[in-house]
Amino acid sequence: MIAVVDAGVALKWFFDERTDEPHADRAVAVLRDIGAGQSRMVQPSHFLAEVAAVLSRKEPGTARENLFEMNGPARAAGPGSGVAPVSIPRTRQAS
């Protein structure tokens, strides 16, 4: 299965411990499926810009490191597709 994950879902992986973050458990379940190879994640082309904007505002001390982990070996899914695969943040991989 292909999971097209928007920034709102991915950000929940970083804020899943917050009690005011609705549906964080569902977002983490998506992450687990991706980590287990049950889903392949693709992202809109503006994904990293959206994630960067929020992480730099809410967690400026770790935003840069988190973005590098999240971006990983992102590569185009195909010419003009508008989506690209993304690696899973190592700090949030399900065991």
N, C-alpha and C. Protein backbone atom coordinates (compact mmCIF):
# COMPACT_ATOMS: atom_id res chain seq x y z
N MET A 1 0.84 -1.16 0.00
CA MET A 1 0.00 0.00 0.00
C MET A 1 0.89 1.24 0.00
N ILE A 2 0.45 2.27 -0.68
CA ILE A 2 1.15 3.55 -0.69
C ILE A 2 0.42 4.51 0.24
N ALA A 3 1.16 5.10 1.15
CA ALA A 3 0.61 6.08 2.09
C ALA A 3 1.12 7.46 1.69
N VAL A 4 0.22 8.33 1.26
CA VAL A 4 0.59 9.72 0.97
C VAL A 4 0.40 10.49 2.27
N VAL A 5 1.51 10.81 2.89
CA VAL A 5 1.50 11.41 4.23
C VAL A 5 1.73 12.91 4.11
N ASP A 6 0.81 13.69 4.64
CA ASP A 6 1.01 15.13 4.63
C ASP A 6 1.75 15.56 5.88
N ALA A 7 2.15 16.80 5.90
CA ALA A 7 2.95 17.32 7.01
C ALA A 7 2.25 17.20 8.35
N GLY A 8 0.94 17.37 8.38
CA GLY A 8 0.20 17.29 9.63
C GLY A 8 0.32 15.93 10.30
N VAL A 9 0.32 14.89 9.51
CA VAL A 9 0.48 13.53 10.05
C VAL A 9 1.92 13.33 10.51
N ALA A 10 2.88 13.69 9.67
CA ALA A 10 4.28 13.48 10.01
C ALA A 10 4.69 14.26 11.26
N LEU A 11 4.15 15.45 11.44
CA LEU A 11 4.48 16.23 12.63
C LEU A 11 4.00 15.55 13.90
N LYS A 12 2.95 14.79 13.82
CA LYS A 12 2.46 14.07 15.00
C LYS A 12 3.48 13.04 15.48
N TRP A 13 4.36 12.57 14.59
CA TRP A 13 5.40 11.64 15.00
C TRP A 13 6.36 12.30 15.97
N PHE A 14 6.56 13.59 15.83
CA PHE A 14 7.46 14.32 16.71
C PHE A 14 6.77 14.82 17.97
N PHE A 15 5.45 15.00 17.91
CA PHE A 15 4.70 15.55 19.04
C PHE A 15 3.75 14.53 19.65
N ASP A 16 4.01 13.24 19.46
CA ASP A 16 3.07 12.21 19.89
C ASP A 16 2.92 12.11 21.41
N GLU A 17 3.87 12.63 22.17
CA GLU A 17 3.76 12.58 23.63
C GLU A 17 2.86 13.68 24.19
N ARG A 18 2.54 14.65 23.38
CA ARG A 18 1.69 15.75 23.85
C ARG A 18 0.24 15.29 23.95
N THR A 19 -0.37 15.59 25.05
CA THR A 19 -1.76 15.17 25.27
C THR A 19 -2.75 15.97 24.44
N ASP A 20 -2.32 17.14 23.95
CA ASP A 20 -3.22 17.98 23.15
C ASP A 20 -3.10 17.70 21.65
N GLU A 21 -2.41 16.65 21.27
CA GLU A 21 -2.20 16.31 19.87
C GLU A 21 -3.20 15.22 19.46
N PRO A 22 -4.32 15.62 18.84
CA PRO A 22 -5.35 14.64 18.49
C PRO A 22 -4.88 13.67 17.41
N HIS A 23 -5.28 12.44 17.55
CA HIS A 23 -5.01 11.37 16.58
C HIS A 23 -3.54 11.03 16.42
N ALA A 24 -2.71 11.36 17.40
CA ALA A 24 -1.30 11.00 17.33
C ALA A 24 -1.13 9.49 17.26
N ASP A 25 -2.01 8.76 17.94
CA ASP A 25 -1.91 7.30 17.91
C ASP A 25 -2.13 6.76 16.50
N ARG A 26 -3.00 7.37 15.74
CA ARG A 26 -3.23 6.94 14.35
C ARG A 26 -2.02 7.26 13.48
N ALA A 27 -1.42 8.42 13.70
CA ALA A 27 -0.23 8.79 12.93
C ALA A 27 0.92 7.84 13.22
N VAL A 28 1.09 7.47 14.47
CA VAL A 28 2.15 6.53 14.84
C VAL A 28 1.87 5.16 14.25
N ALA A 29 0.61 4.76 14.14
CA ALA A 29 0.26 3.49 13.52
C ALA A 29 0.66 3.48 12.04
N VAL A 30 0.47 4.61 11.36
CA VAL A 30 0.90 4.74 9.96
C VAL A 30 2.41 4.58 9.89
N LEU A 31 3.12 5.22 10.79
CA LEU A 31 4.58 5.13 10.83
C LEU A 31 5.02 3.68 11.04
N ARG A 32 4.35 2.97 11.94
CA ARG A 32 4.69 1.56 12.18
C ARG A 32 4.49 0.72 10.92
N ASP A 33 3.39 0.97 10.22
CA ASP A 33 3.14 0.23 8.97
C ASP A 33 4.24 0.50 7.95
N ILE A 34 4.69 1.74 7.87
CA ILE A 34 5.75 2.08 6.94
C ILE A 34 7.05 1.39 7.36
N GLY A 35 7.35 1.45 8.64
CA GLY A 35 8.56 0.81 9.16
C GLY A 35 8.58 -0.69 9.00
N ALA A 36 7.40 -1.30 9.04
CA ALA A 36 7.28 -2.76 8.89
C ALA A 36 7.23 -3.18 7.42
N GLY A 37 7.26 -2.20 6.53
CA GLY A 37 7.21 -2.53 5.11
C GLY A 37 5.82 -2.82 4.59
N GLN A 38 4.79 -2.56 5.38
CA GLN A 38 3.42 -2.81 4.95
C GLN A 38 2.89 -1.67 4.10
N SER A 39 3.52 -0.50 4.19
CA SER A 39 3.14 0.67 3.39
C SER A 39 4.41 1.34 2.91
N ARG A 40 4.31 2.00 1.79
CA ARG A 40 5.40 2.80 1.26
C ARG A 40 4.95 4.25 1.33
N MET A 41 5.78 5.09 1.93
CA MET A 41 5.40 6.48 2.12
C MET A 41 5.85 7.33 0.94
N VAL A 42 4.96 8.18 0.47
CA VAL A 42 5.31 9.21 -0.50
C VAL A 42 4.82 10.53 0.06
N GLN A 43 5.40 11.59 -0.45
CA GLN A 43 5.09 12.91 0.10
C GLN A 43 4.84 13.90 -1.01
N PRO A 44 4.01 14.90 -0.75
CA PRO A 44 3.86 16.00 -1.70
C PRO A 44 5.18 16.77 -1.81
N SER A 45 5.40 17.44 -2.90
CA SER A 45 6.66 18.15 -3.12
C SER A 45 6.91 19.25 -2.09
N HIS A 46 5.88 19.80 -1.48
CA HIS A 46 6.04 20.88 -0.50
C HIS A 46 6.12 20.37 0.94
N PHE A 47 6.15 19.07 1.12
CA PHE A 47 6.13 18.42 2.42
C PHE A 47 7.21 18.94 3.37
N LEU A 48 8.48 18.89 2.94
CA LEU A 48 9.56 19.29 3.84
C LEU A 48 9.48 20.76 4.23
N ALA A 49 9.03 21.61 3.33
CA ALA A 49 8.89 23.02 3.66
C ALA A 49 7.85 23.21 4.76
N GLU A 50 6.74 22.49 4.68
CA GLU A 50 5.71 22.60 5.71
C GLU A 50 6.21 22.07 7.05
N VAL A 51 6.85 20.91 7.02
CA VAL A 51 7.39 20.32 8.26
C VAL A 51 8.44 21.26 8.86
N ALA A 52 9.32 21.79 8.02
CA ALA A 52 10.37 22.69 8.50
C ALA A 52 9.79 23.92 9.18
N ALA A 53 8.76 24.48 8.61
CA ALA A 53 8.15 25.69 9.18
C ALA A 53 7.63 25.43 10.59
N VAL A 54 6.97 24.32 10.77
CA VAL A 54 6.39 24.02 12.09
C VAL A 54 7.48 23.60 13.08
N LEU A 55 8.38 22.71 12.67
CA LEU A 55 9.43 22.27 13.59
C LEU A 55 10.33 23.43 14.03
N SER A 56 10.65 24.33 13.10
CA SER A 56 11.52 25.45 13.48
C SER A 56 10.84 26.40 14.45
N ARG A 57 9.52 26.44 14.41
CA ARG A 57 8.78 27.30 15.33
C ARG A 57 8.55 26.62 16.68
N LYS A 58 8.21 25.33 16.67
CA LYS A 58 7.84 24.65 17.91
C LYS A 58 9.00 23.98 18.61
N GLU A 59 10.01 23.51 17.85
CA GLU A 59 11.16 22.84 18.44
C GLU A 59 12.44 23.29 17.73
N PRO A 60 12.79 24.56 17.89
CA PRO A 60 13.93 25.09 17.13
C PRO A 60 15.26 24.41 17.45
N GLY A 61 15.42 23.90 18.63
CA GLY A 61 16.68 23.26 19.00
C GLY A 61 16.95 21.95 18.30
N THR A 62 15.92 21.25 17.86
CA THR A 62 16.10 19.96 17.20
C THR A 62 15.57 19.93 15.78
N ALA A 63 15.03 21.04 15.30
CA ALA A 63 14.38 21.07 13.98
C ALA A 63 15.34 20.66 12.87
N ARG A 64 16.52 21.19 12.86
CA ARG A 64 17.46 20.89 11.77
C ARG A 64 17.79 19.40 11.73
N GLU A 65 18.12 18.82 12.87
CA GLU A 65 18.45 17.40 12.94
C GLU A 65 17.26 16.54 12.50
N ASN A 66 16.09 16.88 12.98
CA ASN A 66 14.89 16.12 12.61
C ASN A 66 14.62 16.19 11.12
N LEU A 67 14.82 17.35 10.52
CA LEU A 67 14.60 17.49 9.08
C LEU A 67 15.59 16.67 8.28
N PHE A 68 16.85 16.65 8.69
CA PHE A 68 17.83 15.84 7.98
C PHE A 68 17.47 14.36 8.07
N GLU A 69 17.04 13.90 9.23
CA GLU A 69 16.62 12.52 9.39
C GLU A 69 15.40 12.20 8.53
N MET A 70 14.45 13.10 8.52
CA MET A 70 13.22 12.86 7.78
C MET A 70 13.47 12.87 6.28
N ASN A 71 14.31 13.77 5.80
CA ASN A 71 14.56 13.88 4.37
C ASN A 71 15.29 12.66 3.84
N GLY A 72 16.28 12.19 4.57
CA GLY A 72 17.01 11.00 4.15
C GLY A 72 17.31 11.00 2.66
N PRO A 73 17.22 9.85 2.05
CA PRO A 73 17.52 9.77 0.61
C PRO A 73 16.28 10.03 -0.24
N ALA A 74 15.58 11.12 0.01
CA ALA A 74 14.37 11.40 -0.77
C ALA A 74 14.74 11.50 -2.25
N ARG A 75 13.94 10.87 -3.09
CA ARG A 75 14.18 10.89 -4.51
C ARG A 75 12.84 10.96 -5.22
N ALA A 76 12.83 11.46 -6.38
CA ALA A 76 11.57 11.62 -7.12
C ALA A 76 10.94 10.28 -7.40
N ALA A 77 9.63 10.21 -7.25
CA ALA A 77 8.89 8.98 -7.55
C ALA A 77 8.77 8.80 -9.06
N GLY A 78 8.93 9.84 -9.79
CA GLY A 78 8.86 9.79 -11.24
C GLY A 78 8.79 11.21 -11.77
N PRO A 79 9.22 11.41 -12.99
CA PRO A 79 9.21 12.76 -13.54
C PRO A 79 7.83 13.39 -13.48
N GLY A 80 7.76 14.56 -12.86
CA GLY A 80 6.50 15.29 -12.80
C GLY A 80 5.44 14.69 -11.91
N SER A 81 5.81 13.73 -11.06
CA SER A 81 4.80 13.06 -10.24
C SER A 81 4.30 13.92 -9.09
N GLY A 82 5.13 14.86 -8.61
CA GLY A 82 4.73 15.72 -7.50
C GLY A 82 4.85 15.06 -6.15
N VAL A 83 5.28 13.80 -6.10
CA VAL A 83 5.48 13.12 -4.83
C VAL A 83 6.84 12.44 -4.85
N ALA A 84 7.39 12.23 -3.67
CA ALA A 84 8.67 11.55 -3.56
C ALA A 84 8.66 10.68 -2.32
N PRO A 85 9.37 9.55 -2.36
CA PRO A 85 9.49 8.72 -1.16
C PRO A 85 10.27 9.49 -0.09
N VAL A 86 10.07 9.13 1.14
CA VAL A 86 10.80 9.76 2.23
C VAL A 86 11.22 8.68 3.20
N SER A 87 12.38 8.83 3.81
CA SER A 87 12.80 7.85 4.80
C SER A 87 12.07 8.13 6.12
N ILE A 88 12.07 7.16 6.99
CA ILE A 88 11.40 7.29 8.28
C ILE A 88 12.39 7.88 9.28
N PRO A 89 11.96 8.86 10.06
CA PRO A 89 12.87 9.42 11.07
C PRO A 89 13.36 8.32 12.01
N ARG A 90 14.67 8.19 12.14
CA ARG A 90 15.23 7.12 12.98
C ARG A 90 14.77 7.24 14.42
N THR A 91 14.55 8.44 14.89
CA THR A 91 14.18 8.64 16.29
C THR A 91 12.76 8.15 16.57
N ARG A 92 11.97 7.92 15.53
CA ARG A 92 10.58 7.53 15.73
C ARG A 92 10.24 6.18 15.12
N GLN A 93 11.24 5.43 14.65
CA GLN A 93 10.92 4.13 14.06
C GLN A 93 10.35 3.21 15.12
N ALA A 94 9.33 2.48 14.74
CA ALA A 94 8.72 1.52 15.66
C ALA A 94 9.62 0.30 15.75
N SER A 95 9.77 -0.27 16.93
CA SER A 95 10.62 -1.43 17.08
C SER A 95 9.85 -2.71 16.94
